[in-house]
Amino acid sequence: MKKVMVKLLSAAALAGMMVSPVQADEAAMAAAGADVFKRCEACHSVDSSKNAFGPSLIGVVGRQAASLPRFSYSEALQKSGITWTEDNLRQWVADNTKLVPGTRMRHVAITDTAEQDYLIAFLKTL
């Protein structure tokens, strides 16, 4: 994490940009989240024009669950009424089958809260 922040601040300094500590922290968290996302990318796309085995995650934060066109969601997720808030995303990545019994997504178990923070920071950038 510190290495990511140092690289970000160094790059910003070379480019003559002013980066606030908050911006640096958010960018470092998102960069760490990109590493966590590697566990998800086998099934999820970060391309808004295509779905993979799972739906594209572009714009997922704040989106209604099971609302992306051109993807066949489980009946359980369609009926869940969930909006992908930060809290719901945390619950989902920690134990999606507990949050939505009957979902088709296999359980990923990202239970470390720091990794959840990083992943959500990354998802917010999409």
C-alpha atoms as a PDB file:
ATOM      1  CA  MET A   1       0.000   0.000   0.000  1.00  0.00           C
ATOM      2  CA  LYS A   2       2.790   2.439   0.904  1.00  0.00           C
ATOM      3  CA  LYS A   3       4.612   1.591  -2.334  1.00  0.00           C
ATOM      4  CA  VAL A   4       1.466   2.354  -4.344  1.00  0.00           C
ATOM      5  CA  MET A   5       1.045   5.721  -2.621  1.00  0.00           C
ATOM      6  CA  VAL A   6       4.720   6.640  -3.109  1.00  0.00           C
ATOM      7  CA  LYS A   7       4.464   5.775  -6.824  1.00  0.00           C
ATOM      8  CA  LEU A   8       1.264   7.810  -7.168  1.00  0.00           C
ATOM      9  CA  LEU A   9       2.729  10.857  -5.427  1.00  0.00           C
ATOM     10  CA  SER A  10       5.953  10.568  -7.419  1.00  0.00           C
ATOM     11  CA  ALA A  11       4.053  10.365 -10.709  1.00  0.00           C
ATOM     12  CA  ALA A  12       1.896  13.333  -9.738  1.00  0.00           C
ATOM     13  CA  ALA A  13       4.970  15.364  -8.772  1.00  0.00           C
ATOM     14  CA  LEU A  14       6.662  14.557 -12.094  1.00  0.00           C
ATOM     15  CA  ALA A  15       3.544  15.637 -13.938  1.00  0.00           C
ATOM     16  CA  GLY A  16       3.418  18.881 -11.943  1.00  0.00           C
ATOM     17  CA  MET A  17       0.093  17.940 -10.375  1.00  0.00           C
ATOM     18  CA  MET A  18      -1.019  18.766  -6.880  1.00  0.00           C
ATOM     19  CA  VAL A  19      -2.516  15.731  -5.164  1.00  0.00           C
ATOM     20  CA  SER A  20      -4.208  16.066  -1.813  1.00  0.00           C
ATOM     21  CA  PRO A  21      -3.607  13.409   0.836  1.00  0.00           C
ATOM     22  CA  VAL A  22      -7.244  12.337   0.468  1.00  0.00           C
ATOM     23  CA  GLN A  23      -6.881  11.898  -3.302  1.00  0.00           C
ATOM     24  CA  ALA A  24      -3.639   9.995  -2.796  1.00  0.00           C
ATOM     25  CA  ASP A  25      -5.264   7.737  -0.210  1.00  0.00           C
ATOM     26  CA  GLU A  26      -8.291   7.039  -2.442  1.00  0.00           C
ATOM     27  CA  ALA A  27      -6.047   6.308  -5.414  1.00  0.00           C
ATOM     28  CA  ALA A  28      -3.833   4.010  -3.345  1.00  0.00           C
ATOM     29  CA  MET A  29      -6.871   2.141  -2.031  1.00  0.00           C
ATOM     30  CA  ALA A  30      -8.260   1.748  -5.560  1.00  0.00           C
ATOM     31  CA  ALA A  31      -4.883   0.470  -6.765  1.00  0.00           C
ATOM     32  CA  ALA A  32      -4.835  -2.073  -3.941  1.00  0.00           C
ATOM     33  CA  GLY A  33      -8.421  -2.950  -4.871  1.00  0.00           C
ATOM     34  CA  ALA A  34      -7.352  -3.680  -8.441  1.00  0.00           C
ATOM     35  CA  ASP A  35      -5.126  -6.389  -6.991  1.00  0.00           C
ATOM     36  CA  VAL A  36      -8.022  -7.805  -4.943  1.00  0.00           C
ATOM     37  CA  PHE A  37     -10.211  -7.673  -8.069  1.00  0.00           C
ATOM     38  CA  LYS A  38      -7.922 -10.202  -9.740  1.00  0.00           C
ATOM     39  CA  ARG A  39      -9.935 -12.829  -7.829  1.00  0.00           C
ATOM     40  CA  CYS A  40     -13.073 -11.585  -9.585  1.00  0.00           C
ATOM     41  CA  GLU A  41     -11.853 -10.929 -13.116  1.00  0.00           C
ATOM     42  CA  ALA A  42     -12.076 -14.543 -14.238  1.00  0.00           C
ATOM     43  CA  CYS A  43     -15.851 -14.117 -14.197  1.00  0.00           C
ATOM     44  CA  HIS A  44     -16.528 -10.363 -14.268  1.00  0.00           C
ATOM     45  CA  SER A  45     -15.789  -7.841 -16.997  1.00  0.00           C
ATOM     46  CA  VAL A  46     -14.776  -4.232 -16.500  1.00  0.00           C
ATOM     47  CA  ASP A  47     -15.980  -3.475 -20.012  1.00  0.00           C
ATOM     48  CA  SER A  48     -19.414  -1.868 -20.149  1.00  0.00           C
ATOM     49  CA  SER A  49     -20.143  -3.387 -23.549  1.00  0.00           C
ATOM     50  CA  LYS A  50     -19.788  -7.028 -22.543  1.00  0.00           C
ATOM     51  CA  ASN A  51     -20.624  -9.448 -19.832  1.00  0.00           C
ATOM     52  CA  ALA A  52     -18.476 -12.451 -19.046  1.00  0.00           C
ATOM     53  CA  PHE A  53     -19.523 -15.511 -17.035  1.00  0.00           C
ATOM     54  CA  GLY A  54     -20.754 -12.887 -14.544  1.00  0.00           C
ATOM     55  CA  PRO A  55     -22.098  -9.431 -15.346  1.00  0.00           C
ATOM     56  CA  SER A  56     -19.929  -6.406 -16.081  1.00  0.00           C
ATOM     57  CA  LEU A  57     -19.102  -4.490 -12.915  1.00  0.00           C
ATOM     58  CA  ILE A  58     -18.940  -1.075 -14.571  1.00  0.00           C
ATOM     59  CA  GLY A  59     -21.156   1.202 -12.477  1.00  0.00           C
ATOM     60  CA  VAL A  60     -22.019  -1.516  -9.977  1.00  0.00           C
ATOM     61  CA  VAL A  61     -21.804   0.740  -6.898  1.00  0.00           C
ATOM     62  CA  GLY A  62     -25.288   2.171  -6.420  1.00  0.00           C
ATOM     63  CA  ARG A  63     -26.874  -0.036  -9.086  1.00  0.00           C
ATOM     64  CA  GLN A  64     -29.949  -2.170  -8.467  1.00  0.00           C
ATOM     65  CA  ALA A  65     -29.027  -5.862  -8.332  1.00  0.00           C
ATOM     66  CA  ALA A  66     -29.941  -7.971 -11.354  1.00  0.00           C
ATOM     67  CA  SER A  67     -30.633  -4.887 -13.468  1.00  0.00           C
ATOM     68  CA  LEU A  68     -27.956  -5.070 -16.154  1.00  0.00           C
ATOM     69  CA  PRO A  69     -29.410  -5.856 -19.579  1.00  0.00           C
ATOM     70  CA  ARG A  70     -28.158  -8.859 -21.502  1.00  0.00           C
ATOM     71  CA  PHE A  71     -27.333 -10.938 -18.435  1.00  0.00           C
ATOM     72  CA  SER A  72     -29.279 -13.916 -17.105  1.00  0.00           C
ATOM     73  CA  TYR A  73     -29.411 -13.435 -13.338  1.00  0.00           C
ATOM     74  CA  SER A  74     -30.635 -16.049 -10.892  1.00  0.00           C
ATOM     75  CA  GLU A  75     -34.249 -15.778  -9.822  1.00  0.00           C
ATOM     76  CA  ALA A  76     -33.037 -15.301  -6.232  1.00  0.00           C
ATOM     77  CA  LEU A  77     -30.982 -12.230  -7.152  1.00  0.00           C
ATOM     78  CA  GLN A  78     -33.775 -10.842  -9.336  1.00  0.00           C
ATOM     79  CA  LYS A  79     -36.177 -11.043  -6.389  1.00  0.00           C
ATOM     80  CA  SER A  80     -33.665  -9.759  -3.802  1.00  0.00           C
ATOM     81  CA  GLY A  81     -34.511  -6.055  -4.125  1.00  0.00           C
ATOM     82  CA  ILE A  82     -30.887  -5.237  -3.293  1.00  0.00           C
ATOM     83  CA  THR A  83     -29.100  -2.074  -4.321  1.00  0.00           C
ATOM     84  CA  TRP A  84     -25.334  -2.436  -4.412  1.00  0.00           C
ATOM     85  CA  THR A  85     -24.460  -0.107  -1.564  1.00  0.00           C
ATOM     86  CA  GLU A  86     -21.066  -0.384   0.096  1.00  0.00           C
ATOM     87  CA  ASP A  87     -22.623  -2.369   2.941  1.00  0.00           C
ATOM     88  CA  ASN A  88     -24.375  -4.794   0.593  1.00  0.00           C
ATOM     89  CA  LEU A  89     -21.206  -5.221  -1.470  1.00  0.00           C
ATOM     90  CA  ARG A  90     -19.294  -6.072   1.728  1.00  0.00           C
ATOM     91  CA  GLN A  91     -21.868  -8.673   2.685  1.00  0.00           C
ATOM     92  CA  TRP A  92     -21.902 -10.047  -0.858  1.00  0.00           C
ATOM     93  CA  VAL A  93     -18.152 -10.545  -1.171  1.00  0.00           C
ATOM     94  CA  ALA A  94     -17.931 -11.951   2.370  1.00  0.00           C
ATOM     95  CA  ASP A  95     -20.706 -14.524   1.883  1.00  0.00           C
ATOM     96  CA  ASN A  96     -22.950 -14.007  -1.128  1.00  0.00           C
ATOM     97  CA  THR A  97     -24.975 -17.170  -0.446  1.00  0.00           C
ATOM     98  CA  LYS A  98     -25.843 -15.859   3.013  1.00  0.00           C
ATOM     99  CA  LEU A  99     -26.963 -12.491   1.627  1.00  0.00           C
ATOM    100  CA  VAL A 100     -28.938 -14.037  -1.256  1.00  0.00           C
ATOM    101  CA  PRO A 101     -29.667 -17.727  -0.764  1.00  0.00           C
ATOM    102  CA  GLY A 102     -30.103 -19.405  -4.126  1.00  0.00           C
ATOM    103  CA  THR A 103     -27.733 -17.149  -6.047  1.00  0.00           C
ATOM    104  CA  ARG A 104     -25.732 -18.840  -8.797  1.00  0.00           C
ATOM    105  CA  MET A 105     -22.483 -16.997  -8.110  1.00  0.00           C
ATOM    106  CA  ARG A 106     -19.975 -19.223  -6.420  1.00  0.00           C
ATOM    107  CA  HIS A 107     -18.890 -18.046  -3.002  1.00  0.00           C
ATOM    108  CA  VAL A 108     -15.674 -15.977  -3.036  1.00  0.00           C
ATOM    109  CA  ALA A 109     -15.231 -15.220   0.705  1.00  0.00           C
ATOM    110  CA  ILE A 110     -13.349 -11.939   0.807  1.00  0.00           C
ATOM    111  CA  THR A 111     -13.769 -11.529   4.555  1.00  0.00           C
ATOM    112  CA  ASP A 112     -10.817  -9.269   5.348  1.00  0.00           C
ATOM    113  CA  THR A 113     -12.315  -5.799   5.898  1.00  0.00           C
ATOM    114  CA  ALA A 114      -9.239  -4.030   4.484  1.00  0.00           C
ATOM    115  CA  GLU A 115      -9.487  -6.070   1.268  1.00  0.00           C
ATOM    116  CA  GLN A 116     -13.196  -5.233   1.130  1.00  0.00           C
ATOM    117  CA  ASP A 117     -12.341  -1.513   1.506  1.00  0.00           C
ATOM    118  CA  TYR A 118      -9.797  -1.759  -1.306  1.00  0.00           C
ATOM    119  CA  LEU A 119     -12.140  -3.680  -3.588  1.00  0.00           C
ATOM    120  CA  ILE A 120     -14.994  -1.217  -3.058  1.00  0.00           C
ATOM    121  CA  ALA A 121     -12.634   1.714  -3.681  1.00  0.00           C
ATOM    122  CA  PHE A 122     -11.676   0.063  -6.987  1.00  0.00           C
ATOM    123  CA  LEU A 123     -15.287  -0.661  -7.951  1.00  0.00           C
ATOM    124  CA  LYS A 124     -16.151   3.006  -7.357  1.00  0.00           C
ATOM    125  CA  THR A 125     -13.659   3.947 -10.079  1.00  0.00           C
ATOM    126  CA  LEU A 126     -15.408   1.845 -12.726  1.00  0.00           C
END
